[in-house]
C-alpha atoms as a PDB file:
ATOM      1  CA  UNK A   1      -6.935  -4.419 -26.966  1.00  0.00           C
ATOM      2  CA  UNK A   2      -7.158  -3.742 -23.233  1.00  0.00           C
ATOM      3  CA  UNK A   3      -8.216  -6.579 -20.931  1.00  0.00           C
ATOM      4  CA  UNK A   4     -11.433  -6.313 -18.971  1.00  0.00           C
ATOM      5  CA  UNK A   5     -10.359  -5.503 -15.424  1.00  0.00           C
ATOM      6  CA  UNK A   6     -12.953  -6.805 -13.022  1.00  0.00           C
ATOM      7  CA  UNK A   7     -12.792  -8.697  -9.755  1.00  0.00           C
ATOM      8  CA  UNK A   8     -14.631 -11.999  -9.674  1.00  0.00           C
ATOM      9  CA  UNK A   9     -17.681 -11.776  -7.420  1.00  0.00           C
ATOM     10  CA  UNK A  10     -16.367 -14.706  -5.338  1.00  0.00           C
ATOM     11  CA  UNK A  11     -13.302 -12.604  -4.432  1.00  0.00           C
ATOM     12  CA  UNK A  12     -15.138  -9.434  -3.363  1.00  0.00           C
ATOM     13  CA  UNK A  13     -14.770 -10.142   0.379  1.00  0.00           C
ATOM     14  CA  UNK A  14     -11.028 -10.636  -0.056  1.00  0.00           C
ATOM     15  CA  UNK A  15     -10.747  -7.447  -2.109  1.00  0.00           C
ATOM     16  CA  UNK A  16     -12.727  -5.482   0.490  1.00  0.00           C
ATOM     17  CA  UNK A  17     -10.390  -6.691   3.253  1.00  0.00           C
ATOM     18  CA  UNK A  18      -7.308  -5.758   1.227  1.00  0.00           C
ATOM     19  CA  UNK A  19      -8.761  -2.301   0.556  1.00  0.00           C
ATOM     20  CA  UNK A  20      -9.280  -1.766   4.293  1.00  0.00           C
ATOM     21  CA  UNK A  21      -5.674  -2.751   5.013  1.00  0.00           C
ATOM     22  CA  UNK A  22      -4.052  -0.920   2.076  1.00  0.00           C
ATOM     23  CA  UNK A  23      -4.217   2.588   3.475  1.00  0.00           C
ATOM     24  CA  UNK A  24      -2.276   1.721   6.654  1.00  0.00           C
ATOM     25  CA  UNK A  25       0.381   4.322   5.797  1.00  0.00           C
ATOM     26  CA  UNK A  26      -2.208   6.799   4.512  1.00  0.00           C
ATOM     27  CA  UNK A  27      -3.973   7.322   7.837  1.00  0.00           C
ATOM     28  CA  UNK A  28      -2.532   9.839  10.285  1.00  0.00           C
ATOM     29  CA  UNK A  29      -4.416   8.281  13.194  1.00  0.00           C
ATOM     30  CA  UNK A  30      -2.175   5.205  12.902  1.00  0.00           C
ATOM     31  CA  UNK A  31       0.987   7.295  13.232  1.00  0.00           C
ATOM     32  CA  UNK A  32       3.288   9.575  11.275  1.00  0.00           C
ATOM     33  CA  UNK A  33       6.770   8.886  12.631  1.00  0.00           C
ATOM     34  CA  UNK A  34       9.384   6.346  11.600  1.00  0.00           C
ATOM     35  CA  UNK A  35       8.862   4.571  14.926  1.00  0.00           C
ATOM     36  CA  UNK A  36       5.120   4.325  14.163  1.00  0.00           C
ATOM     37  CA  UNK A  37       5.811   2.895  10.693  1.00  0.00           C
ATOM     38  CA  UNK A  38       8.355   0.441  12.096  1.00  0.00           C
ATOM     39  CA  UNK A  39       5.767  -0.843  14.563  1.00  0.00           C
ATOM     40  CA  UNK A  40       3.343  -1.475  11.670  1.00  0.00           C
ATOM     41  CA  UNK A  41       5.794  -3.575   9.655  1.00  0.00           C
ATOM     42  CA  UNK A  42       7.976  -6.631  10.148  1.00  0.00           C
ATOM     43  CA  UNK A  43      11.750  -6.418   9.715  1.00  0.00           C
ATOM     44  CA  UNK A  44      11.659  -8.072   6.282  1.00  0.00           C
ATOM     45  CA  UNK A  45       8.704  -5.987   5.010  1.00  0.00           C
ATOM     46  CA  UNK A  46       8.684  -5.021   1.334  1.00  0.00           C
ATOM     47  CA  UNK A  47       6.090  -3.898  -1.162  1.00  0.00           C
ATOM     48  CA  UNK A  48       5.605  -3.673  -4.901  1.00  0.00           C
ATOM     49  CA  UNK A  49       4.789  -0.275  -6.359  1.00  0.00           C
ATOM     50  CA  UNK A  50       2.416   0.428  -9.231  1.00  0.00           C
ATOM     51  CA  UNK A  51       5.442   0.328 -11.554  1.00  0.00           C
ATOM     52  CA  UNK A  52       6.137  -3.259 -10.517  1.00  0.00           C
ATOM     53  CA  UNK A  53       9.321  -2.227  -8.726  1.00  0.00           C
ATOM     54  CA  UNK A  54      10.054  -3.879  -5.361  1.00  0.00           C
ATOM     55  CA  UNK A  55      10.774  -1.519  -2.454  1.00  0.00           C
ATOM     56  CA  UNK A  56      12.449  -2.669   0.758  1.00  0.00           C
ATOM     57  CA  UNK A  57      11.435  -1.554   4.244  1.00  0.00           C
ATOM     58  CA  UNK A  58      14.146   1.088   4.650  1.00  0.00           C
ATOM     59  CA  UNK A  59      13.196   2.763   1.377  1.00  0.00           C
ATOM     60  CA  UNK A  60       9.462   2.738   2.200  1.00  0.00           C
ATOM     61  CA  UNK A  61       9.987   4.121   5.716  1.00  0.00           C
ATOM     62  CA  UNK A  62      12.291   6.885   4.439  1.00  0.00           C
ATOM     63  CA  UNK A  63       9.698   7.895   1.823  1.00  0.00           C
ATOM     64  CA  UNK A  64       6.947   7.918   4.446  1.00  0.00           C
ATOM     65  CA  UNK A  65       9.020  10.197   6.665  1.00  0.00           C
ATOM     66  CA  UNK A  66       9.506  12.608   3.736  1.00  0.00           C
ATOM     67  CA  UNK A  67       5.831  12.579   2.835  1.00  0.00           C
ATOM     68  CA  UNK A  68       4.623  13.271   6.342  1.00  0.00           C
ATOM     69  CA  UNK A  69       7.240  16.036   6.663  1.00  0.00           C
ATOM     70  CA  UNK A  70       5.766  17.663   3.530  1.00  0.00           C
ATOM     71  CA  UNK A  71       8.882  17.043   1.420  1.00  0.00           C
ATOM     72  CA  UNK A  72       7.174  14.710  -1.040  1.00  0.00           C
ATOM     73  CA  UNK A  73       3.776  14.387  -2.696  1.00  0.00           C
ATOM     74  CA  UNK A  74       0.750  13.282  -0.617  1.00  0.00           C
ATOM     75  CA  UNK A  75      -0.111   9.599  -0.430  1.00  0.00           C
ATOM     76  CA  UNK A  76      -3.120   8.060  -2.107  1.00  0.00           C
ATOM     77  CA  UNK A  77      -4.472   4.882  -3.603  1.00  0.00           C
ATOM     78  CA  UNK A  78      -6.916   3.971  -6.329  1.00  0.00           C
ATOM     79  CA  UNK A  79      -7.840   1.373  -8.899  1.00  0.00           C
ATOM     80  CA  UNK A  80      -8.138  -1.710  -6.733  1.00  0.00           C
ATOM     81  CA  UNK A  81      -8.397  -4.997  -8.603  1.00  0.00           C
ATOM     82  CA  UNK A  82      -7.964  -8.574  -7.461  1.00  0.00           C
ATOM     83  CA  UNK A  83      -7.392 -10.934 -10.372  1.00  0.00           C
ATOM     84  CA  UNK A  84      -8.123 -14.599  -9.888  1.00  0.00           C
ATOM     85  CA  UNK A  85      -4.957 -16.708  -9.655  1.00  0.00           C
ATOM     86  CA  UNK A  86      -4.515 -19.272 -12.390  1.00  0.00           C
END
């Protein structure tokens, strides 16, 4: 049985803010070069992919360079959910 995936109404403002920030690497107007991406992240930046895998800054920046050079698939995002912490 699949869980019901909904965001608690009390967390909607937080979710909306996270959604606005999420596409930072998906917006050409914020930059498309490694130098641009470096200026948007701190030295110890990392992120967790949809698979649950952790990606360090160097990996993420290299992938962004490939994607903006047309070597990799386009970026996108979907399915935002903010579960309430226990």
